């Protein structure tokens, strides 16, 4: 995987896709409570004064990672922290499998079959950007349904939920809003996932390559741990503004376009709104990357093809 350093391992695309999907799904299950908290924080707009003439604005409902998770668990039950897990797994099977599974083949395509030595960082970034864009263009409906399910909080007594589950959400969105609505927010989603994928896979590949050149380090769990943390940090720093716009567009149909969402968010909530939920986002992406890459490095060993004798 990101990078097959040392001896080149022989894994088919089907093997890479399967290993990537398994690793991504396992990481999703472990970290989706943090993702749910992140989405709620991002969708929470600045609270204005409760009534005209009220000098003190009301406090926001969600405050911080642990506070948000505690509020959700208290008001809606602990199971609510796993809202969106079904479309989340749908997403990881498709998006995770494609973006990671295609990375090595696309990287090899960009450097050429006769390339010798370390792959330039620019080629790694280009390969990861490409696979991220391709993968999310296919998986966008799963992302949309996941965000909508996560965004729905506690309802007043007697008020029915918009969707009873993931399959109901796919069906209702297609029926009521049209098939094309399943690709709502595709622009910011492609931008966000291509950028984050480039930050994640290229930084993991580069950090791992750098660490392996240091004395005393080898291709083991410690190296994978440091490389995974680096991948998560770079991904959040680069992708957080696009992530906020994506979540707001998918959770609120009031925005006309990506630019409209960006301008309104900047005007109404200020520039710091683009890094709203940064800490839970890093906690989520940092832990997600560590779990995913550690799992992937082990699972893909099962798919290595032995050379013909």
Protein backbone atom coordinates (compact mmCIF):
# COMPACT_ATOMS: atom_id res chain seq x y z
CA UNK A 1 0.00 0.00 0.00
CA UNK A 2 0.97 3.57 0.32
CA UNK A 3 3.99 2.76 -0.28
CA UNK A 4 5.14 -0.60 -0.98
CA UNK A 5 8.58 0.24 0.34
CA UNK A 6 11.43 -2.19 0.27
CA UNK A 7 10.68 -5.27 -1.80
CA UNK A 8 7.81 -4.70 -4.19
CA UNK A 9 4.80 -6.76 -3.20
CA UNK A 10 2.51 -8.26 -5.83
CA UNK A 11 -1.17 -7.67 -5.01
CA UNK A 12 -3.96 -7.66 -7.58
CA UNK A 13 -6.37 -4.72 -7.81
CA UNK A 14 -9.14 -6.95 -6.42
CA UNK A 15 -6.90 -7.78 -3.47
CA UNK A 16 -6.02 -4.12 -2.86
CA UNK A 17 -9.67 -3.09 -3.17
CA UNK A 18 -10.85 -5.77 -0.72
CA UNK A 19 -8.11 -5.08 1.84
CA UNK A 20 -8.76 -1.33 1.60
CA UNK A 21 -12.53 -1.75 2.03
CA UNK A 22 -12.07 -4.02 5.07
CA UNK A 23 -9.62 -1.62 6.73
CA UNK A 24 -11.75 1.46 5.96
CA UNK A 25 -14.94 -0.18 7.30
CA UNK A 26 -13.22 -1.26 10.52
CA UNK A 27 -11.89 2.27 11.07
CA UNK A 28 -15.37 3.69 10.35
CA UNK A 29 -17.02 1.49 12.97
CA UNK A 30 -14.45 2.52 15.59
CA UNK A 31 -14.58 6.27 14.95
CA UNK A 32 -18.07 7.19 13.69
CA UNK A 33 -19.13 8.63 17.11
CA UNK A 34 -16.45 11.27 16.62
CA UNK A 35 -17.68 11.89 13.08
CA UNK A 36 -21.25 12.35 14.32
CA UNK A 37 -20.02 14.92 16.87
CA UNK A 38 -18.01 16.64 14.13
CA UNK A 39 -21.03 16.91 11.80
CA UNK A 40 -23.24 18.34 14.56
CA UNK A 41 -20.61 20.95 15.45
CA UNK A 42 -20.16 21.95 11.81
CA UNK A 43 -23.89 22.29 11.17
CA UNK A 44 -24.41 24.35 14.32
CA UNK A 45 -24.67 27.97 13.27
CA UNK A 46 -23.76 30.88 15.52
CA UNK A 47 -26.57 31.40 18.04
CA UNK A 48 -28.13 34.84 18.05
CA UNK A 49 -29.93 36.52 20.91
CA UNK A 50 -33.06 34.64 21.86
CA UNK A 51 -35.23 37.77 21.71
CA UNK A 52 -34.92 41.32 20.49
CA UNK A 53 -33.18 43.47 23.05
CA UNK A 54 -31.64 40.46 24.78
CA UNK A 55 -28.03 41.50 25.33
CA UNK A 56 -26.63 38.05 26.03
CA UNK A 57 -26.82 35.48 23.23
CA UNK A 58 -27.91 31.97 24.08
CA UNK A 59 -25.17 29.40 24.55
CA UNK A 60 -24.66 26.97 21.66
CA UNK A 61 -26.19 23.55 22.20
CA UNK A 62 -23.02 21.65 21.31
CA UNK A 63 -19.70 22.63 22.86
CA UNK A 64 -16.53 20.64 22.24
CA UNK A 65 -15.96 17.03 21.30
CA UNK A 66 -16.81 15.37 24.62
CA UNK A 67 -19.61 17.83 25.34
CA UNK A 68 -21.22 17.19 21.97
CA UNK A 69 -20.95 13.41 22.34
CA UNK A 70 -22.37 13.61 25.89
CA UNK A 71 -25.28 15.80 24.78
CA UNK A 72 -26.16 13.46 21.91
CA UNK A 73 -25.96 10.38 24.16
CA UNK A 74 -28.02 12.04 26.91
CA UNK A 75 -30.78 13.40 24.67
CA UNK A 76 -30.97 10.71 22.01
CA UNK A 77 -29.32 7.65 23.52
CA UNK A 78 -25.81 6.27 23.03
CA UNK A 79 -26.86 4.50 19.83
CA UNK A 80 -27.39 7.92 18.21
CA UNK A 81 -23.60 8.33 18.13
CA UNK A 82 -23.56 5.59 15.48
CA UNK A 83 -26.16 7.33 13.31
CA UNK A 84 -25.19 6.97 9.70
CA UNK A 85 -23.12 3.81 10.26
CA UNK A 86 -24.95 1.87 7.49
CA UNK A 87 -24.37 4.44 4.71
CA UNK A 88 -20.97 5.04 6.31
CA UNK A 89 -20.06 1.42 5.64
CA UNK A 90 -21.58 1.63 2.16
CA UNK A 91 -19.33 4.66 1.60
CA UNK A 92 -16.18 2.98 2.86
CA UNK A 93 -16.73 -0.16 0.79
CA UNK A 94 -16.96 1.94 -2.37
CA UNK A 95 -14.95 5.08 -1.62
CA UNK A 96 -12.35 3.50 0.66
CA UNK A 97 -11.88 0.52 -1.59
CA UNK A 98 -11.43 2.62 -4.74
CA UNK A 99 -9.36 5.54 -3.44
CA UNK A 100 -6.83 3.33 -1.65
CA UNK A 101 -7.02 0.36 -3.99
CA UNK A 102 -6.35 2.52 -7.05
CA UNK A 103 -3.53 4.53 -5.46
CA UNK A 104 -0.61 2.22 -6.27
CA UNK A 105 -1.74 1.46 -9.87
CA UNK A 106 -2.33 5.18 -10.61
CA UNK A 107 0.96 6.17 -8.98
CA UNK A 108 2.77 3.60 -11.12
CA UNK A 109 0.99 4.97 -14.19
CA UNK A 110 2.13 8.52 -13.41
CA UNK A 111 5.80 7.65 -12.82
CA UNK A 112 6.02 5.12 -15.66
CA UNK A 113 6.80 1.42 -15.58
CA UNK A 114 10.56 2.01 -15.97
CA UNK A 115 10.86 4.33 -12.94
CA UNK A 116 13.60 3.40 -10.46
CA UNK A 117 14.04 4.77 -6.94
CA UNK A 118 11.75 6.83 -4.69
CA UNK A 119 8.58 8.21 -6.25
CA UNK A 120 8.54 12.06 -6.20
CA UNK A 121 6.10 13.60 -3.72
CA UNK A 122 4.36 15.48 -6.54
CA UNK A 123 3.47 12.17 -8.23
CA UNK A 124 2.12 10.77 -4.96
CA UNK A 125 -0.07 13.84 -4.47
CA UNK A 126 -1.32 13.69 -8.07
CA UNK A 127 -2.14 9.98 -7.79
CA UNK A 128 -4.01 10.37 -4.49
CA UNK A 129 -5.88 13.47 -5.77
CA UNK A 130 -6.99 11.51 -8.82
CA UNK A 131 -8.18 8.42 -6.94
CA UNK A 132 -9.99 10.52 -4.34
CA UNK A 133 -11.91 12.43 -7.02
CA UNK A 134 -12.84 9.27 -8.93
CA UNK A 135 -13.93 7.36 -5.84
CA UNK A 136 -16.15 10.04 -4.32
CA UNK A 137 -17.80 10.81 -7.67
CA UNK A 138 -19.15 7.25 -7.50
CA UNK A 139 -19.79 7.16 -3.73
CA UNK A 140 -21.39 10.61 -3.26
CA UNK A 141 -24.94 9.26 -2.57
CA UNK A 142 -23.63 7.28 0.42
CA UNK A 143 -21.98 10.42 1.80
CA UNK A 144 -25.17 12.46 1.38
CA UNK A 145 -27.33 9.92 3.22
CA UNK A 146 -24.75 9.53 5.99
CA UNK A 147 -24.65 13.30 6.66
CA UNK A 148 -28.45 13.63 6.60
CA UNK A 149 -28.91 10.82 9.10
CA UNK A 150 -26.19 12.21 11.37
CA UNK A 151 -27.55 15.76 11.19
CA UNK A 152 -31.00 14.83 12.52
CA UNK A 153 -31.09 15.48 16.25
CA UNK A 154 -33.75 14.91 18.90
CA UNK A 155 -37.27 15.62 17.61
CA UNK A 156 -40.30 16.91 19.47
CA UNK A 157 -42.82 14.26 20.58
CA UNK A 158 -45.04 13.17 17.71
CA UNK A 159 -42.75 14.56 15.02
CA UNK A 160 -41.73 11.75 12.63
CA UNK A 161 -38.18 11.36 11.46
CA UNK A 162 -37.37 12.29 7.86
CA UNK A 163 -35.91 8.85 7.22
CA UNK A 164 -36.35 5.52 8.98
CA UNK A 165 -32.93 4.30 7.85
CA UNK A 166 -30.32 4.37 5.12
CA UNK A 167 -32.30 2.52 2.43
CA UNK A 168 -35.38 4.64 3.17
CA UNK A 169 -33.24 7.77 2.79
CA UNK A 170 -31.85 6.67 -0.59
CA UNK A 171 -35.38 5.90 -1.80
CA UNK A 172 -37.05 9.09 -0.50
CA UNK A 173 -34.32 11.40 -1.77
CA UNK A 174 -34.48 9.84 -5.24
CA UNK A 175 -38.28 9.83 -5.29
CA UNK A 176 -38.95 13.25 -3.77
CA UNK A 177 -35.96 15.25 -4.97
CA UNK A 178 -34.89 13.33 -8.06
CA UNK A 179 -32.02 10.94 -8.75
CA UNK A 180 -29.64 13.85 -9.31
CA UNK A 181 -30.26 14.99 -5.72
CA UNK A 182 -28.20 12.01 -4.53
CA UNK A 183 -25.23 13.88 -5.96
CA UNK A 184 -26.04 17.10 -4.05
CA UNK A 185 -22.84 18.75 -2.90
CA UNK A 186 -20.74 16.81 -5.41
CA UNK A 187 -18.54 19.83 -6.18
CA UNK A 188 -17.35 20.51 -2.61
CA UNK A 189 -17.34 16.79 -1.90
CA UNK A 190 -15.00 16.05 -4.82
CA UNK A 191 -12.80 18.97 -3.79
CA UNK A 192 -12.82 17.92 -0.15
CA UNK A 193 -12.16 14.23 -0.72
CA UNK A 194 -9.59 14.70 -3.48
CA UNK A 195 -7.68 17.16 -1.29
CA UNK A 196 -7.97 15.08 1.89
CA UNK A 197 -7.09 11.89 0.03
CA UNK A 198 -4.00 13.59 -1.41
CA UNK A 199 -3.04 14.79 2.09
CA UNK A 200 -3.71 11.38 3.67
CA UNK A 201 -2.20 8.92 1.20
CA UNK A 202 0.69 11.07 -0.04
CA UNK A 203 1.68 12.12 3.50
CA UNK A 204 1.41 8.54 4.80
CA UNK A 205 3.51 7.33 1.90
CA UNK A 206 6.07 10.14 2.33
CA UNK A 207 6.29 9.96 6.15
CA UNK A 208 6.62 6.19 6.04
CA UNK A 209 9.34 6.44 3.38
CA UNK A 210 11.23 9.04 5.47
CA UNK A 211 10.95 7.07 8.73
CA UNK A 212 12.22 3.89 7.10
CA UNK A 213 15.42 5.73 6.15
CA UNK A 214 16.13 6.56 9.81
CA UNK A 215 18.38 4.19 11.78
CA UNK A 216 16.51 1.78 14.04
CA UNK A 217 13.18 1.97 12.20
CA UNK A 218 11.66 -0.81 10.15
CA UNK A 219 8.36 -1.51 8.41
CA UNK A 220 6.39 -2.31 11.56
CA UNK A 221 3.51 -1.10 13.73
CA UNK A 222 5.48 1.82 15.21
CA UNK A 223 6.28 3.21 11.77
CA UNK A 224 2.68 2.72 10.65
CA UNK A 225 1.45 4.52 13.80
CA UNK A 226 3.57 7.64 13.24
CA UNK A 227 2.80 7.72 9.53
CA UNK A 228 -0.94 7.35 10.21
CA UNK A 229 -0.95 10.24 12.70
CA UNK A 230 0.92 12.42 10.23
CA UNK A 231 -1.59 11.57 7.52
CA UNK A 232 -4.53 12.51 9.74
CA UNK A 233 -3.00 15.84 10.81
CA UNK A 234 -2.18 16.98 7.27
CA UNK A 235 -5.61 15.90 6.04
CA UNK A 236 -7.47 17.99 8.64
CA UNK A 237 -5.29 21.08 8.20
CA UNK A 238 -5.79 21.06 4.44
CA UNK A 239 -9.35 19.79 4.17
CA UNK A 240 -11.27 21.31 7.10
CA UNK A 241 -12.69 24.39 5.26
CA UNK A 242 -13.95 22.26 2.37
CA UNK A 243 -15.31 19.72 4.86
CA UNK A 244 -17.39 22.38 6.62
CA UNK A 245 -18.87 23.61 3.31
CA UNK A 246 -19.65 20.02 2.28
CA UNK A 247 -21.41 19.20 5.55
CA UNK A 248 -23.47 22.40 5.47
CA UNK A 249 -24.54 21.90 1.85
CA UNK A 250 -25.57 18.31 2.46
CA UNK A 251 -27.32 19.07 5.74
CA UNK A 252 -29.17 22.23 4.66
CA UNK A 253 -30.84 22.70 1.25
CA UNK A 254 -30.93 26.51 1.69
CA UNK A 255 -27.58 26.93 -0.07
CA UNK A 256 -27.73 27.44 -3.83
CA UNK A 257 -24.15 26.46 -4.65
CA UNK A 258 -20.72 25.80 -3.19
CA UNK A 259 -19.79 29.45 -3.55
CA UNK A 260 -23.09 30.56 -1.97
CA UNK A 261 -22.44 28.30 1.02
CA UNK A 262 -18.86 29.56 1.36
CA UNK A 263 -19.88 33.24 1.19
CA UNK A 264 -22.83 32.88 3.58
CA UNK A 265 -20.76 30.92 6.09
CA UNK A 266 -18.00 33.53 5.94
CA UNK A 267 -20.46 36.43 6.22
CA UNK A 268 -22.69 35.00 8.96
CA UNK A 269 -20.24 33.01 11.08
CA UNK A 270 -16.81 34.45 10.31
CA UNK A 271 -13.62 32.80 8.96
CA UNK A 272 -13.12 30.64 12.04
CA UNK A 273 -16.32 28.79 11.14
CA UNK A 274 -14.32 26.95 8.48
CA UNK A 275 -12.33 25.32 11.27
CA UNK A 276 -15.35 24.67 13.46
CA UNK A 277 -15.03 21.18 14.84
CA UNK A 278 -11.27 21.12 14.11
CA UNK A 279 -10.32 19.17 17.25
CA UNK A 280 -13.03 16.51 16.88
CA UNK A 281 -12.19 16.38 13.19
CA UNK A 282 -8.53 15.72 13.98
CA UNK A 283 -9.44 13.26 16.73
CA UNK A 284 -11.64 11.53 14.18
CA UNK A 285 -9.26 11.63 11.20
CA UNK A 286 -6.13 11.03 13.27
CA UNK A 287 -7.57 7.95 14.96
CA UNK A 288 -9.30 6.87 11.73
CA UNK A 289 -6.03 6.96 9.81
CA UNK A 290 -4.08 5.13 12.50
CA UNK A 291 -6.70 2.37 12.73
CA UNK A 292 -7.17 2.15 8.97
CA UNK A 293 -3.48 2.05 8.03
CA UNK A 294 -2.54 -0.34 10.84
CA UNK A 295 -5.37 -2.67 9.74
CA UNK A 296 -4.57 -2.27 6.04
CA UNK A 297 -0.89 -3.09 6.47
CA UNK A 298 -1.87 -6.38 8.10
CA UNK A 299 -4.89 -7.34 5.98
CA UNK A 300 -3.16 -6.76 2.64
CA UNK A 301 -0.57 -9.40 3.59
CA UNK A 302 -3.34 -11.94 3.08
CA UNK A 303 -3.65 -10.89 -0.56
CA UNK A 304 0.03 -10.95 -1.60
CA UNK A 305 0.48 -13.22 -4.58
CA UNK A 306 3.35 -15.64 -4.25
CA UNK A 307 5.77 -15.71 -7.21
CA UNK A 308 5.42 -18.69 -9.50
CA UNK A 309 8.01 -21.32 -8.75
